[in-house]
Amino acid sequence: MRLKNCTVIVTGGGQGIGRAICLKFASEGANIVIAEQNLDTAEAVAKQARVLGIRALPICTDVTDSDAVRAMVSETLHSLQRIDILVNNAGIFSHTPIEECTEEEWDRIMDVNLKGPFLCSQAVIEVMKKQGNGRIINLGSVAGRVGGLFASAPYASSKAGVMCLTKSFARRLGKHGITVNAIAPGVAETEMTKDHPEMTPQIPLGRVADPIEVANAALFLASDEGSYLTGVILDVNGGLLMP
């Protein structure tokens, strides 16, 4: 029970990697806030998590809206009294060719994938400072390291931004006992990647990731085992990219 009595916010926790992180953390004793735009999926995950004997709170949240983010943080504190871990998982994917990418698509991807983690992290900083500790874990991507193997330019750019944002926050928050790290997954078996082309021949392990394998990495960064890591980008890609 590595996270017993901790409170964890997982944005986009209703499906895919976010869902896997919620259930993994719940199995380690954490109380979970599932911050999702789709309240139905958030409630479904909350129901599964409660079976594990923890408290689970689904909150309808738009991570691109600062007022909604602050309201989510306030509701979390009202219900669970503290915030120990924030996992910025919410994101949207695209593979639109550069020539066809609209300004609206660029703005939407940047809003969700980059502004969202910034707003959510910003909103929990004072809480974590007062506690004297905290963990922020961001979801980057192998696309942000290489410019996108299949992903669009705005998606790859947003994830590169997330990974740089991670280091920026890590440098400034370490003195407050707050660690900030990121995970850069390769291809995982989720609804988001259902249209992704076959890439297993390029992956040394010969398969795409199960979302639980990304959740395991998040657990490591959130637990005491990861206490001396900050500003780290942890690659979880089966060997697809070896920086």
Protein backbone atom coordinates (compact mmCIF):
# COMPACT_ATOMS: atom_id res chain seq x y z
CA MET A 1 0.00 0.00 0.00
CA ARG A 2 2.53 2.54 -1.20
CA LEU A 3 0.03 5.40 -1.47
CA LYS A 4 -2.16 4.71 1.56
CA ASN A 5 -4.32 7.74 2.47
CA CYS A 6 -2.80 9.91 -0.28
CA THR A 7 -5.11 12.00 -2.42
CA VAL A 8 -4.45 11.82 -6.16
CA ILE A 9 -6.00 13.85 -8.97
CA VAL A 10 -5.87 12.20 -12.38
CA THR A 11 -7.04 14.35 -15.28
CA GLY A 12 -8.56 12.38 -18.13
CA GLY A 13 -8.90 9.47 -15.71
CA GLY A 14 -11.98 7.95 -17.29
CA GLN A 15 -10.31 5.88 -19.99
CA GLY A 16 -7.06 4.54 -21.40
CA ILE A 17 -3.87 5.29 -19.51
CA GLY A 18 -5.69 7.61 -17.11
CA ARG A 19 -8.09 4.86 -16.09
CA ALA A 20 -5.21 2.43 -15.58
CA ILE A 21 -3.43 4.98 -13.35
CA CYS A 22 -6.58 5.57 -11.29
CA LEU A 23 -7.11 1.88 -10.61
CA LYS A 24 -3.43 1.17 -9.99
CA PHE A 25 -3.14 4.02 -7.49
CA ALA A 26 -6.39 2.97 -5.83
CA SER A 27 -5.01 -0.55 -5.42
CA GLU A 28 -2.10 1.05 -3.52
CA GLY A 29 -4.45 2.79 -1.07
CA ALA A 30 -4.83 6.23 -2.64
CA ASN A 31 -8.06 8.18 -2.69
CA ILE A 32 -8.74 9.16 -6.28
CA VAL A 33 -10.21 12.21 -8.00
CA ILE A 34 -11.16 11.42 -11.59
CA ALA A 35 -11.19 14.78 -13.36
CA GLU A 36 -12.95 14.21 -16.68
CA GLN A 37 -15.15 16.02 -19.17
CA ASN A 38 -17.08 12.78 -19.65
CA LEU A 39 -18.71 12.31 -16.25
CA ASP A 40 -20.15 8.91 -17.22
CA THR A 41 -16.71 7.37 -17.75
CA ALA A 42 -15.40 9.09 -14.60
CA GLU A 43 -18.22 7.63 -12.54
CA ALA A 44 -17.61 4.17 -14.00
CA VAL A 45 -13.95 4.30 -12.95
CA ALA A 46 -14.92 5.66 -9.52
CA LYS A 47 -17.26 2.71 -9.02
CA GLN A 48 -14.46 0.26 -9.87
CA ALA A 49 -12.01 2.06 -7.60
CA ARG A 50 -14.34 2.06 -4.59
CA VAL A 51 -14.40 -1.72 -4.65
CA LEU A 52 -10.75 -1.47 -3.55
CA GLY A 53 -11.80 0.23 -0.32
CA ILE A 54 -10.81 3.79 -1.12
CA ARG A 55 -12.70 7.03 -1.73
CA ALA A 56 -13.19 8.01 -5.36
CA LEU A 57 -14.55 11.34 -6.50
CA PRO A 58 -15.56 11.95 -10.14
CA ILE A 59 -15.52 15.63 -11.09
CA CYS A 60 -16.58 17.04 -14.45
CA THR A 61 -13.61 19.21 -15.41
CA ASP A 62 -12.43 21.15 -18.44
CA VAL A 63 -8.65 21.43 -18.00
CA THR A 64 -8.49 24.31 -20.48
CA ASP A 65 -10.68 26.51 -18.26
CA SER A 66 -8.88 28.06 -15.29
CA ASP A 67 -12.13 28.59 -13.38
CA ALA A 68 -13.10 24.94 -13.84
CA VAL A 69 -9.64 23.82 -12.73
CA ARG A 70 -9.76 25.95 -9.59
CA ALA A 71 -13.24 24.63 -8.83
CA MET A 72 -11.95 21.06 -9.21
CA VAL A 73 -9.13 21.76 -6.75
CA SER A 74 -11.56 23.38 -4.28
CA GLU A 75 -13.96 20.44 -4.48
CA THR A 76 -11.07 18.02 -3.93
CA LEU A 77 -9.93 19.87 -0.83
CA HIS A 78 -13.47 20.13 0.51
CA SER A 79 -14.05 16.39 0.12
CA LEU A 80 -10.58 14.91 0.75
CA GLN A 81 -8.74 17.71 2.62
CA ARG A 82 -5.41 17.42 0.77
CA ILE A 83 -3.74 16.92 -2.62
CA ASP A 84 -0.62 14.77 -2.61
CA ILE A 85 -0.26 13.82 -6.28
CA LEU A 86 -1.42 15.35 -9.55
CA VAL A 87 -1.26 13.30 -12.74
CA ASN A 88 -1.72 15.49 -15.82
CA ASN A 89 -2.97 12.81 -18.20
CA ALA A 90 -5.79 14.52 -20.11
CA GLY A 91 -4.91 14.89 -23.77
CA ILE A 92 -6.14 14.65 -27.33
CA PHE A 93 -4.38 13.04 -30.28
CA SER A 94 -4.33 13.82 -33.97
CA HIS A 95 -2.47 12.70 -37.06
CA THR A 96 -3.61 15.45 -39.43
CA PRO A 97 -1.03 16.22 -42.17
CA ILE A 98 0.67 19.59 -41.79
CA GLU A 99 -0.91 20.92 -44.98
CA GLU A 100 -4.41 20.14 -43.67
CA CYS A 101 -4.03 21.25 -40.07
CA THR A 102 -6.28 24.19 -39.24
CA GLU A 103 -5.58 26.96 -36.78
CA GLU A 104 -8.53 25.71 -34.74
CA GLU A 105 -7.02 22.21 -34.47
CA TRP A 106 -3.65 23.63 -33.45
CA ASP A 107 -5.26 25.79 -30.75
CA ARG A 108 -7.43 22.98 -29.39
CA ILE A 109 -4.54 20.52 -29.08
CA MET A 110 -2.31 23.10 -27.43
CA ASP A 111 -5.08 24.11 -25.05
CA VAL A 112 -5.79 20.58 -23.84
CA ASN A 113 -2.32 19.03 -24.01
CA LEU A 114 -0.14 21.93 -22.86
CA LYS A 115 -2.21 24.67 -21.26
CA GLY A 116 -4.17 22.03 -19.32
CA PRO A 117 -1.13 20.65 -17.46
CA PHE A 118 0.07 24.21 -16.81
CA LEU A 119 -3.26 25.33 -15.31
CA CYS A 120 -3.72 22.17 -13.23
CA SER A 121 -0.16 22.26 -11.90
CA GLN A 122 -0.40 25.96 -11.13
CA ALA A 123 -3.64 25.37 -9.22
CA VAL A 124 -2.18 22.78 -6.84
CA ILE A 125 1.16 24.46 -6.10
CA GLU A 126 0.06 26.47 -3.07
CA VAL A 127 -1.64 23.42 -1.56
CA MET A 128 1.48 21.33 -1.97
CA LYS A 129 3.72 24.13 -0.65
CA LYS A 130 1.67 24.33 2.54
CA GLN A 131 1.92 20.55 2.93
CA GLY A 132 5.67 20.70 2.36
CA ASN A 133 5.53 18.00 -0.30
CA GLY A 134 3.80 16.88 -3.46
CA ARG A 135 4.22 15.00 -6.71
CA ILE A 136 3.28 16.22 -10.18
CA ILE A 137 3.45 13.69 -13.01
CA ASN A 138 2.90 14.77 -16.60
CA LEU A 139 2.19 12.61 -19.64
CA GLY A 140 4.52 13.44 -22.48
CA SER A 141 5.07 11.22 -25.51
CA VAL A 142 7.75 9.72 -27.71
CA ALA A 143 6.23 12.04 -30.34
CA GLY A 144 7.52 15.02 -28.38
CA ARG A 145 11.05 13.67 -28.59
CA VAL A 146 11.15 12.90 -32.32
CA GLY A 147 8.59 15.24 -33.89
CA GLY A 148 5.94 12.53 -34.27
CA LEU A 149 6.32 9.17 -35.97
CA PHE A 150 2.63 9.20 -36.93
CA ALA A 151 1.29 12.00 -34.74
CA SER A 152 0.55 15.44 -36.11
CA ALA A 153 2.83 18.44 -35.73
CA PRO A 154 0.62 20.14 -33.11
CA TYR A 155 0.40 16.94 -31.06
CA ALA A 156 4.16 16.36 -31.14
CA SER A 157 4.80 20.04 -30.36
CA SER A 158 2.36 20.01 -27.44
CA LYS A 159 4.05 16.97 -25.90
CA ALA A 160 7.51 18.49 -26.36
CA GLY A 161 6.13 21.50 -24.53
CA VAL A 162 4.82 19.32 -21.71
CA MET A 163 8.23 17.75 -21.22
CA CYS A 164 9.96 21.15 -21.15
CA LEU A 165 7.26 22.45 -18.78
CA THR A 166 8.07 19.51 -16.51
CA LYS A 167 11.68 20.60 -16.19
CA SER A 168 10.73 24.24 -15.69
CA PHE A 169 8.38 23.39 -12.80
CA ALA A 170 10.87 20.91 -11.34
CA ARG A 171 13.59 23.56 -11.12
CA ARG A 172 11.34 26.00 -9.31
CA LEU A 173 9.41 23.70 -6.96
CA GLY A 174 12.08 21.35 -5.65
CA LYS A 175 12.89 23.66 -2.73
CA HIS A 176 9.29 23.22 -1.56
CA GLY A 177 9.53 19.43 -1.49
CA ILE A 178 7.56 19.06 -4.73
CA THR A 179 8.87 16.76 -7.44
CA VAL A 180 7.79 17.15 -11.06
CA ASN A 181 8.43 14.38 -13.57
CA ALA A 182 7.02 13.15 -16.87
CA ILE A 183 6.40 9.86 -18.60
CA ALA A 184 6.91 9.61 -22.36
CA PRO A 185 4.94 6.59 -23.58
CA GLY A 186 5.33 5.10 -27.00
CA VAL A 187 2.26 3.40 -28.46
CA ALA A 188 -0.20 2.01 -25.90
CA GLU A 189 -3.31 -0.08 -26.46
CA THR A 190 -5.98 2.60 -25.94
CA GLU A 191 -8.97 4.08 -27.70
CA MET A 192 -6.85 7.12 -28.59
CA THR A 193 -4.45 5.04 -30.67
CA LYS A 194 -6.97 2.77 -32.38
CA ASP A 195 -6.16 4.32 -35.78
CA HIS A 196 -2.41 4.21 -35.23
CA PRO A 197 -0.51 2.24 -37.90
CA GLU A 198 1.18 -1.05 -37.03
CA MET A 199 4.50 -0.29 -35.35
CA THR A 200 5.39 -3.52 -33.56
CA PRO A 201 8.12 -4.39 -36.12
CA GLN A 202 9.94 -1.23 -34.99
CA ILE A 203 9.56 -1.99 -31.26
CA PRO A 204 12.34 -4.22 -29.86
CA LEU A 205 9.91 -5.81 -27.38
CA GLY A 206 7.65 -6.68 -30.29
CA ARG A 207 4.38 -5.26 -28.95
CA VAL A 208 2.65 -2.06 -27.91
CA ALA A 209 2.23 -1.20 -24.23
CA ASP A 210 -0.60 -2.26 -22.02
CA PRO A 211 -1.86 0.90 -20.21
CA ILE A 212 -1.03 -0.76 -16.88
CA GLU A 213 2.65 -0.68 -17.85
CA VAL A 214 2.49 3.10 -18.09
CA ALA A 215 0.54 3.20 -14.82
CA ASN A 216 3.33 1.19 -13.16
CA ALA A 217 5.82 3.88 -14.18
CA ALA A 218 3.53 6.56 -12.76
CA LEU A 219 3.30 4.63 -9.49
CA PHE A 220 7.09 4.50 -9.25
CA LEU A 221 7.32 8.28 -9.66
CA ALA A 222 4.51 8.85 -7.15
CA SER A 223 5.83 6.49 -4.47
CA ASP A 224 8.71 6.74 -2.02
CA GLU A 225 10.88 4.82 -4.49
CA GLY A 226 10.87 7.89 -6.75
CA SER A 227 11.51 10.44 -4.01
CA TYR A 228 14.86 11.67 -5.39
CA LEU A 229 13.75 12.05 -8.98
CA THR A 230 12.66 15.39 -10.36
CA GLY A 231 12.82 16.88 -13.85
CA VAL A 232 13.02 13.35 -15.26
CA ILE A 233 11.40 12.23 -18.52
CA LEU A 234 10.84 8.49 -18.13
CA ASP A 235 10.61 6.71 -21.49
CA VAL A 236 8.13 3.82 -21.52
CA ASN A 237 8.18 2.71 -25.13
CA GLY A 238 9.43 -0.87 -25.37
CA GLY A 239 12.69 0.32 -26.92
CA LEU A 240 11.05 2.20 -29.81
CA LEU A 241 13.25 5.19 -28.96
CA MET A 242 16.53 4.90 -27.07
CA PRO A 243 17.72 8.47 -26.41
